[in-house]
């Protein structure tokens, strides 16, 4: 046999052996899914936590995005200043403590309290003296024993004394809200029920009174955080689209994966001349007190709500320039579950919870709403 004949026989034998191996491998391997499909057993579907739901009409809307800031609801907060100048003698309320209206917050030793009491006493004495003089001059004038000028002057002095008495009494009443004219101690009290949010005072420091002519400092902030406001700035071109009662969604840096939902309850009637924006106010329930005043927030305000065929954000995958979803195609020939990757067209300009579908899916089609990214990695 020639060398060429030997080579031909060897090649034929090798091909035969390779064919046998492929036949055995085909018998041992399960059916292979076609391109663009992933086949999973029931156990794999369960382990991957894949969820399927039919495509249906949903409430979708466009969204205006604005920057905002968390603030107190100003009907549920009070800022406590001292009306008197003096030294803080005692602190009665701690940070985070809940207080009732009228509860003591701090005691201030102040000469203003004694001065106010002294002024009241002097005004009372002056009023009594002026009243006596007025009555005497009135009797003398009636008996033609005093001039009209003396009578009128006594009457004027009496009216001035009454006016001064009213002023001194009002000032003393203001200070005596928590004051003691003997000890000259003034007690700051809570104006509303709430929580001590801030305290800018310590025992022994000097505080400036609001009526002392200096710069008074806020000593306590009392408020409730179970409902807060978010103030945002909306551009002029978007103002007409924002309506009272529109849904607002807020995200803050502290909780990037959490969404807070509220409503727009105020739209400013004028624009800021510098920024050309209008202020809007959104109200949010805050039972866990996660939103805190002065936090910066991203505010999404829903506008132009409509009904459309839509799918959740979690169902959509973007592969390069293509947008796809995975469709549940039922059981494969070997009993495994079939999931087919299908290109779709969606309205990516929408920023609501649901993404409108413009082409590629019909109502009722079952798609993967959770775990699509895992299926993509299996193809």
Protein backbone atom coordinates (compact mmCIF):
# COMPACT_ATOMS: atom_id res chain seq x y z
CA UNK A 1 0.00 0.00 0.00
CA UNK A 2 1.34 3.42 -0.92
CA UNK A 3 1.91 6.27 1.53
CA UNK A 4 -1.13 8.16 0.14
CA UNK A 5 -3.32 5.15 0.71
CA UNK A 6 -2.17 4.92 4.35
CA UNK A 7 -3.00 8.61 4.90
CA UNK A 8 -6.46 8.20 3.39
CA UNK A 9 -7.24 5.24 5.64
CA UNK A 10 -6.01 7.09 8.76
CA UNK A 11 -8.09 10.18 7.94
CA UNK A 12 -11.21 8.12 7.42
CA UNK A 13 -10.68 6.37 10.75
CA UNK A 14 -10.21 9.72 12.52
CA UNK A 15 -13.41 11.11 11.04
CA UNK A 16 -15.29 8.00 12.06
CA UNK A 17 -14.03 8.24 15.62
CA UNK A 18 -14.88 11.95 15.78
CA UNK A 19 -18.35 11.18 14.47
CA UNK A 20 -18.87 8.57 17.16
CA UNK A 21 -17.79 11.04 19.86
CA UNK A 22 -20.20 13.67 18.59
CA UNK A 23 -23.02 11.14 18.51
CA UNK A 24 -22.34 10.15 22.14
CA UNK A 25 -22.06 13.81 23.19
CA UNK A 26 -25.35 14.63 21.52
CA UNK A 27 -27.01 11.76 23.37
CA UNK A 28 -25.62 12.97 26.71
CA UNK A 29 -26.20 16.79 26.29
CA UNK A 30 -29.71 18.27 26.56
CA UNK A 31 -31.26 20.29 23.75
CA UNK A 32 -29.47 23.57 23.21
CA UNK A 33 -31.59 26.80 23.19
CA UNK A 34 -31.49 28.81 19.98
CA UNK A 35 -29.74 32.19 19.87
CA UNK A 36 -31.51 34.88 21.89
CA UNK A 37 -33.19 32.43 24.29
CA UNK A 38 -32.43 31.21 27.79
CA UNK A 39 -33.88 27.90 29.04
CA UNK A 40 -34.07 27.39 32.81
CA UNK A 41 -35.33 24.63 35.03
CA UNK A 42 -37.96 25.39 37.63
CA UNK A 43 -35.27 25.30 40.32
CA UNK A 44 -33.14 27.81 38.42
CA UNK A 45 -36.10 30.13 37.96
CA UNK A 46 -36.77 30.00 41.68
CA UNK A 47 -33.15 30.54 42.66
CA UNK A 48 -32.80 33.52 40.30
CA UNK A 49 -36.01 35.02 41.77
CA UNK A 50 -37.36 35.67 38.31
CA UNK A 51 -40.79 37.31 38.25
CA UNK A 52 -43.16 37.44 35.29
CA UNK A 53 -46.18 39.69 34.69
CA UNK A 54 -48.44 40.44 31.71
CA UNK A 55 -48.12 43.72 29.85
CA UNK A 56 -51.08 45.99 30.60
CA UNK A 57 -52.28 49.58 30.45
CA UNK A 58 -50.88 51.75 33.23
CA UNK A 59 -51.09 55.33 34.46
CA UNK A 60 -48.01 57.02 33.02
CA UNK A 61 -46.95 60.64 33.17
CA UNK A 62 -44.23 63.03 32.22
CA UNK A 63 -42.06 64.39 35.01
CA UNK A 64 -40.47 67.74 35.78
CA UNK A 65 -37.22 67.43 37.72
CA UNK A 66 -36.11 70.19 40.07
CA UNK A 67 -33.72 70.68 42.95
CA UNK A 68 -35.24 71.25 46.36
CA UNK A 69 -34.65 71.61 50.07
CA UNK A 70 -36.41 69.97 53.01
CA UNK A 71 -37.92 72.43 55.52
CA UNK A 72 -40.23 72.40 58.51
CA UNK A 73 -43.95 72.72 58.03
CA UNK A 74 -44.13 76.27 59.44
CA UNK A 75 -47.45 75.51 61.12
CA UNK A 76 -45.70 72.85 63.19
CA UNK A 77 -42.53 74.60 64.34
CA UNK A 78 -41.68 77.48 66.65
CA UNK A 79 -38.40 79.33 67.20
CA UNK A 80 -37.79 80.41 70.78
CA UNK A 81 -35.96 83.69 71.52
CA UNK A 82 -35.48 85.36 74.88
CA UNK A 83 -37.40 88.62 75.35
CA UNK A 84 -35.04 89.57 78.20
CA UNK A 85 -31.28 90.06 78.46
CA UNK A 86 -29.50 88.10 81.15
CA UNK A 87 -27.59 84.99 82.17
CA UNK A 88 -28.90 81.43 81.66
CA UNK A 89 -29.28 79.89 85.09
CA UNK A 90 -30.79 76.48 84.29
CA UNK A 91 -31.64 74.28 81.28
CA UNK A 92 -34.86 72.28 81.61
CA UNK A 93 -35.21 70.72 78.13
CA UNK A 94 -32.73 68.41 76.37
CA UNK A 95 -32.26 67.79 72.66
CA UNK A 96 -34.76 65.25 71.35
CA UNK A 97 -37.03 65.64 74.37
CA UNK A 98 -40.76 65.94 73.73
CA UNK A 99 -42.40 68.89 75.43
CA UNK A 100 -45.93 70.21 75.86
CA UNK A 101 -47.05 73.76 75.28
CA UNK A 102 -46.08 75.79 78.36
CA UNK A 103 -43.34 73.42 79.58
CA UNK A 104 -40.21 75.12 80.96
CA UNK A 105 -37.21 75.17 78.61
CA UNK A 106 -34.71 77.33 80.51
CA UNK A 107 -34.48 79.92 83.28
CA UNK A 108 -32.73 83.27 82.74
CA UNK A 109 -31.67 85.66 85.52
CA UNK A 110 -32.48 89.09 84.11
CA UNK A 111 -32.69 92.63 85.57
CA UNK A 112 -35.21 93.38 82.80
CA UNK A 113 -37.84 91.55 84.82
CA UNK A 114 -37.24 93.72 87.91
CA UNK A 115 -37.16 96.89 85.82
CA UNK A 116 -40.48 95.99 84.23
CA UNK A 117 -42.03 95.40 87.65
CA UNK A 118 -40.62 98.69 88.94
CA UNK A 119 -41.96 100.58 85.94
CA UNK A 120 -45.40 99.11 86.58
CA UNK A 121 -45.35 100.19 90.21
CA UNK A 122 -44.27 103.72 89.29
CA UNK A 123 -46.95 103.94 86.60
CA UNK A 124 -49.60 102.87 89.12
CA UNK A 125 -48.46 105.56 91.59
CA UNK A 126 -48.38 108.23 88.88
CA UNK A 127 -51.88 107.25 87.74
CA UNK A 128 -53.28 107.52 91.27
CA UNK A 129 -51.68 110.95 91.76
CA UNK A 130 -52.90 112.19 88.38
CA UNK A 131 -56.41 110.90 89.07
CA UNK A 132 -56.53 112.69 92.45
CA UNK A 133 -55.35 115.95 90.89
CA UNK A 134 -57.85 115.62 88.07
CA UNK A 135 -60.78 115.03 90.45
CA UNK A 136 -59.71 117.98 92.64
CA UNK A 137 -59.38 120.35 89.71
CA UNK A 138 -62.72 119.16 88.38
CA UNK A 139 -64.47 120.04 91.66
CA UNK A 140 -62.75 123.42 91.90
CA UNK A 141 -63.59 124.27 88.30
CA UNK A 142 -67.21 123.35 88.93
CA UNK A 143 -67.20 125.75 91.94
CA UNK A 144 -65.53 128.48 89.83
CA UNK A 145 -62.50 128.24 92.14
CA UNK A 146 -60.02 127.05 89.50
CA UNK A 147 -59.20 128.17 85.99
CA UNK A 148 -60.16 126.18 82.94
CA UNK A 149 -56.47 125.94 82.06
CA UNK A 150 -55.62 124.15 85.34
CA UNK A 151 -58.57 121.82 84.89
CA UNK A 152 -57.63 120.88 81.33
CA UNK A 153 -53.97 120.38 82.29
CA UNK A 154 -54.99 118.02 85.13
CA UNK A 155 -57.21 116.11 82.68
CA UNK A 156 -54.34 115.77 80.18
CA UNK A 157 -51.96 114.52 82.88
CA UNK A 158 -54.51 111.95 83.99
CA UNK A 159 -54.88 110.59 80.43
CA UNK A 160 -51.10 110.43 80.00
CA UNK A 161 -50.80 108.49 83.27
CA UNK A 162 -53.48 106.03 82.12
CA UNK A 163 -51.63 105.48 78.85
CA UNK A 164 -48.32 104.92 80.62
CA UNK A 165 -50.02 102.53 83.01
CA UNK A 166 -51.30 100.48 80.08
CA UNK A 167 -47.83 100.33 78.53
CA UNK A 168 -46.13 99.29 81.78
CA UNK A 169 -48.80 96.67 82.47
CA UNK A 170 -48.43 95.15 78.98
CA UNK A 171 -44.64 94.95 79.31
CA UNK A 172 -44.85 93.44 82.79
CA UNK A 173 -47.42 90.92 81.57
CA UNK A 174 -45.11 89.91 78.72
CA UNK A 175 -42.16 89.34 81.02
CA UNK A 176 -44.29 87.83 83.73
CA UNK A 177 -45.24 85.01 81.35
CA UNK A 178 -42.43 83.15 83.09
CA UNK A 179 -41.00 85.80 85.35
CA UNK A 180 -40.64 86.38 89.06
CA UNK A 181 -40.26 90.08 89.96
CA UNK A 182 -38.53 89.22 93.23
CA UNK A 183 -35.87 86.80 91.99
CA UNK A 184 -35.67 88.45 88.54
CA UNK A 185 -35.80 84.99 87.01
CA UNK A 186 -37.50 84.55 83.65
CA UNK A 187 -38.59 81.11 82.43
CA UNK A 188 -38.61 80.38 78.70
CA UNK A 189 -41.55 78.11 77.84
CA UNK A 190 -42.51 75.98 74.84
CA UNK A 191 -45.00 77.66 72.53
CA UNK A 192 -46.33 74.41 71.02
CA UNK A 193 -46.31 70.66 71.59
CA UNK A 194 -43.34 69.05 69.86
CA UNK A 195 -39.78 67.84 69.98
CA UNK A 196 -36.71 69.88 70.91
CA UNK A 197 -35.05 69.93 67.49
CA UNK A 198 -32.26 72.38 68.28
CA UNK A 199 -30.81 74.06 71.38
CA UNK A 200 -28.28 76.87 71.13
CA UNK A 201 -27.86 77.70 74.81
CA UNK A 202 -25.86 76.41 77.78
CA UNK A 203 -25.89 77.25 81.51
CA UNK A 204 -23.93 80.38 82.41
CA UNK A 205 -23.93 82.10 79.01
CA UNK A 206 -25.23 85.61 78.49
CA UNK A 207 -28.17 86.01 76.11
CA UNK A 208 -29.45 89.10 74.37
CA UNK A 209 -33.13 89.94 74.68
CA UNK A 210 -35.32 90.74 71.69
CA UNK A 211 -36.29 94.09 73.22
CA UNK A 212 -32.78 95.07 74.33
CA UNK A 213 -31.72 96.63 71.04
CA UNK A 214 -29.04 93.99 70.27
CA UNK A 215 -28.93 90.90 68.07
CA UNK A 216 -31.07 88.21 69.69
CA UNK A 217 -30.12 84.58 69.01
CA UNK A 218 -32.58 81.70 68.62
CA UNK A 219 -32.23 79.57 71.74
CA UNK A 220 -34.57 76.64 71.05
CA UNK A 221 -36.38 75.15 68.06
CA UNK A 222 -39.51 73.15 68.90
CA UNK A 223 -41.29 71.28 66.13
CA UNK A 224 -42.78 68.13 64.66
CA UNK A 225 -41.03 66.15 61.92
CA UNK A 226 -43.80 63.67 61.10
CA UNK A 227 -44.78 65.97 58.22
CA UNK A 228 -42.34 68.20 56.34
CA UNK A 229 -42.21 70.48 53.34
CA UNK A 230 -39.89 70.35 50.35
CA UNK A 231 -39.38 73.67 48.57
CA UNK A 232 -38.24 73.47 44.95
CA UNK A 233 -37.51 75.86 42.09
CA UNK A 234 -39.29 75.25 38.77
CA UNK A 235 -38.26 76.94 35.53
CA UNK A 236 -40.63 79.41 33.92
CA UNK A 237 -41.31 77.18 30.90
CA UNK A 238 -42.59 74.39 33.17
CA UNK A 239 -44.80 76.41 35.52
CA UNK A 240 -47.99 75.99 33.47
CA UNK A 241 -47.67 72.19 33.70
CA UNK A 242 -47.46 72.05 37.51
CA UNK A 243 -50.88 71.76 39.16
CA UNK A 244 -52.02 71.80 42.74
CA UNK A 245 -52.25 68.22 43.98
CA UNK A 246 -49.72 66.87 41.46
CA UNK A 247 -47.75 63.88 42.72
CA UNK A 248 -44.21 64.67 43.82
CA UNK A 249 -41.42 62.15 44.35
CA UNK A 250 -38.32 63.05 46.33
CA UNK A 251 -34.91 61.41 46.64
CA UNK A 252 -32.16 62.51 49.02
CA UNK A 253 -28.46 61.66 49.16
CA UNK A 254 -28.76 60.06 52.60
CA UNK A 255 -31.16 57.38 51.29
CA UNK A 256 -30.34 56.87 47.59
CA UNK A 257 -32.51 53.76 47.23
CA UNK A 258 -35.57 55.19 48.98
CA UNK A 259 -38.36 57.19 47.37
CA UNK A 260 -40.61 59.60 49.29
CA UNK A 261 -44.01 60.42 47.79
CA UNK A 262 -46.04 63.56 48.46
CA UNK A 263 -48.12 66.23 46.73
CA UNK A 264 -47.71 69.77 45.47
CA UNK A 265 -49.78 72.08 47.68
CA UNK A 266 -48.49 75.51 46.68
CA UNK A 267 -47.24 77.17 43.49
CA UNK A 268 -45.81 80.67 43.77
CA UNK A 269 -47.68 83.45 42.03
CA UNK A 270 -44.47 85.22 40.99
CA UNK A 271 -41.01 84.40 39.63
CA UNK A 272 -37.62 85.13 41.09
CA UNK A 273 -36.29 87.98 38.90
CA UNK A 274 -32.74 86.64 39.09
CA UNK A 275 -33.20 82.92 38.43
CA UNK A 276 -36.47 83.13 36.44
CA UNK A 277 -37.87 80.28 38.51
CA UNK A 278 -40.99 79.90 40.62
CA UNK A 279 -41.09 78.30 44.03
CA UNK A 280 -43.31 75.29 44.61
CA UNK A 281 -44.02 73.57 47.91
CA UNK A 282 -44.60 69.84 48.34
CA UNK A 283 -45.89 68.20 51.52
CA UNK A 284 -44.60 64.80 52.64
CA UNK A 285 -45.62 62.50 55.46
CA UNK A 286 -42.46 61.65 57.39
CA UNK A 287 -43.42 59.08 60.05
CA UNK A 288 -39.89 57.65 60.34
CA UNK A 289 -38.37 61.18 60.47
CA UNK A 290 -35.92 60.28 57.70
CA UNK A 291 -36.39 63.61 55.92
CA UNK A 292 -34.66 66.28 57.95
CA UNK A 293 -34.79 70.06 57.50
CA UNK A 294 -32.06 71.53 55.29
CA UNK A 295 -31.47 68.27 53.39
CA UNK A 296 -31.01 68.82 49.66
CA UNK A 297 -33.43 66.82 47.53
CA UNK A 298 -34.16 65.92 43.92
CA UNK A 299 -37.85 66.53 43.24
CA UNK A 300 -39.77 64.86 40.40
CA UNK A 301 -43.22 66.37 39.84
CA UNK A 302 -45.68 64.31 37.78
CA UNK A 303 -47.54 66.15 35.03
CA UNK A 304 -49.86 65.20 32.15
CA UNK A 305 -50.93 61.82 33.47
CA UNK A 306 -52.44 59.46 30.87
CA UNK A 307 -53.31 55.79 30.30
CA UNK A 308 -50.99 53.77 28.05
CA UNK A 309 -49.52 50.30 27.46
CA UNK A 310 -46.46 50.35 29.71
CA UNK A 311 -43.89 48.16 31.44
CA UNK A 312 -41.82 48.70 34.60
CA UNK A 313 -38.26 50.04 34.47
CA UNK A 314 -36.95 46.75 35.86
CA UNK A 315 -38.11 44.88 32.74
CA UNK A 316 -36.08 46.98 30.31
CA UNK A 317 -32.48 46.18 29.32
CA UNK A 318 -30.31 48.32 27.07
CA UNK A 319 -27.77 46.37 25.06
CA UNK A 320 -25.72 48.88 23.13
CA UNK A 321 -28.17 50.81 20.98
CA UNK A 322 -30.89 48.18 21.37
CA UNK A 323 -33.66 48.11 24.00
CA UNK A 324 -34.89 44.61 24.86
CA UNK A 325 -37.13 42.72 27.25
CA UNK A 326 -37.41 39.00 27.99
CA UNK A 327 -40.68 37.33 27.05
CA UNK A 328 -41.98 34.20 28.77
CA UNK A 329 -42.51 31.64 25.98
CA UNK A 330 -43.68 28.76 28.17
CA UNK A 331 -41.98 25.32 28.18
CA UNK A 332 -39.18 24.20 25.89
CA UNK A 333 -39.23 20.68 24.25
CA UNK A 334 -37.18 19.29 27.14
CA UNK A 335 -39.50 20.76 29.80
CA UNK A 336 -37.37 23.73 30.77
CA UNK A 337 -38.79 27.24 30.86
CA UNK A 338 -38.17 29.38 27.75
CA UNK A 339 -37.34 33.09 27.95
CA UNK A 340 -36.80 34.91 24.66
CA UNK A 341 -34.96 38.21 24.29
CA UNK A 342 -37.15 40.56 22.27
CA UNK A 343 -36.31 44.05 20.91
CA UNK A 344 -38.90 46.71 21.80
CA UNK A 345 -39.42 50.42 21.34
CA UNK A 346 -40.29 52.49 24.40
CA UNK A 347 -40.85 56.14 25.12
CA UNK A 348 -37.66 56.85 27.05
CA UNK A 349 -38.60 60.48 27.42
CA UNK A 350 -41.05 59.51 30.14
CA UNK A 351 -39.70 59.44 33.68
CA UNK A 352 -42.56 57.90 35.65
CA UNK A 353 -42.64 54.52 37.34
CA UNK A 354 -43.89 52.96 34.08
CA UNK A 355 -42.31 53.19 30.62
CA UNK A 356 -44.79 53.41 27.71
CA UNK A 357 -44.28 50.81 24.95
CA UNK A 358 -44.58 52.15 21.40
CA UNK A 359 -43.76 48.95 19.47
CA UNK A 360 -42.88 45.28 19.96
CA UNK A 361 -45.29 44.11 22.69
CA UNK A 362 -48.99 43.37 22.84
CA UNK A 363 -51.31 43.65 25.79
CA UNK A 364 -51.26 40.44 27.82
CA UNK A 365 -47.79 39.31 26.72
CA UNK A 366 -45.94 37.88 29.71
CA UNK A 367 -42.57 39.52 30.29
CA UNK A 368 -39.85 39.21 32.93
CA UNK A 369 -40.19 42.11 35.38
CA UNK A 370 -37.48 41.00 37.77
CA UNK A 371 -34.24 39.12 37.02
CA UNK A 372 -33.92 40.11 33.35
CA UNK A 373 -30.27 41.03 33.82
CA UNK A 374 -29.53 37.47 34.98
CA UNK A 375 -31.18 35.99 31.90
CA UNK A 376 -29.11 38.30 29.69
CA UNK A 377 -25.94 36.85 31.15
CA UNK A 378 -27.02 33.29 30.26
CA UNK A 379 -27.33 33.93 26.53
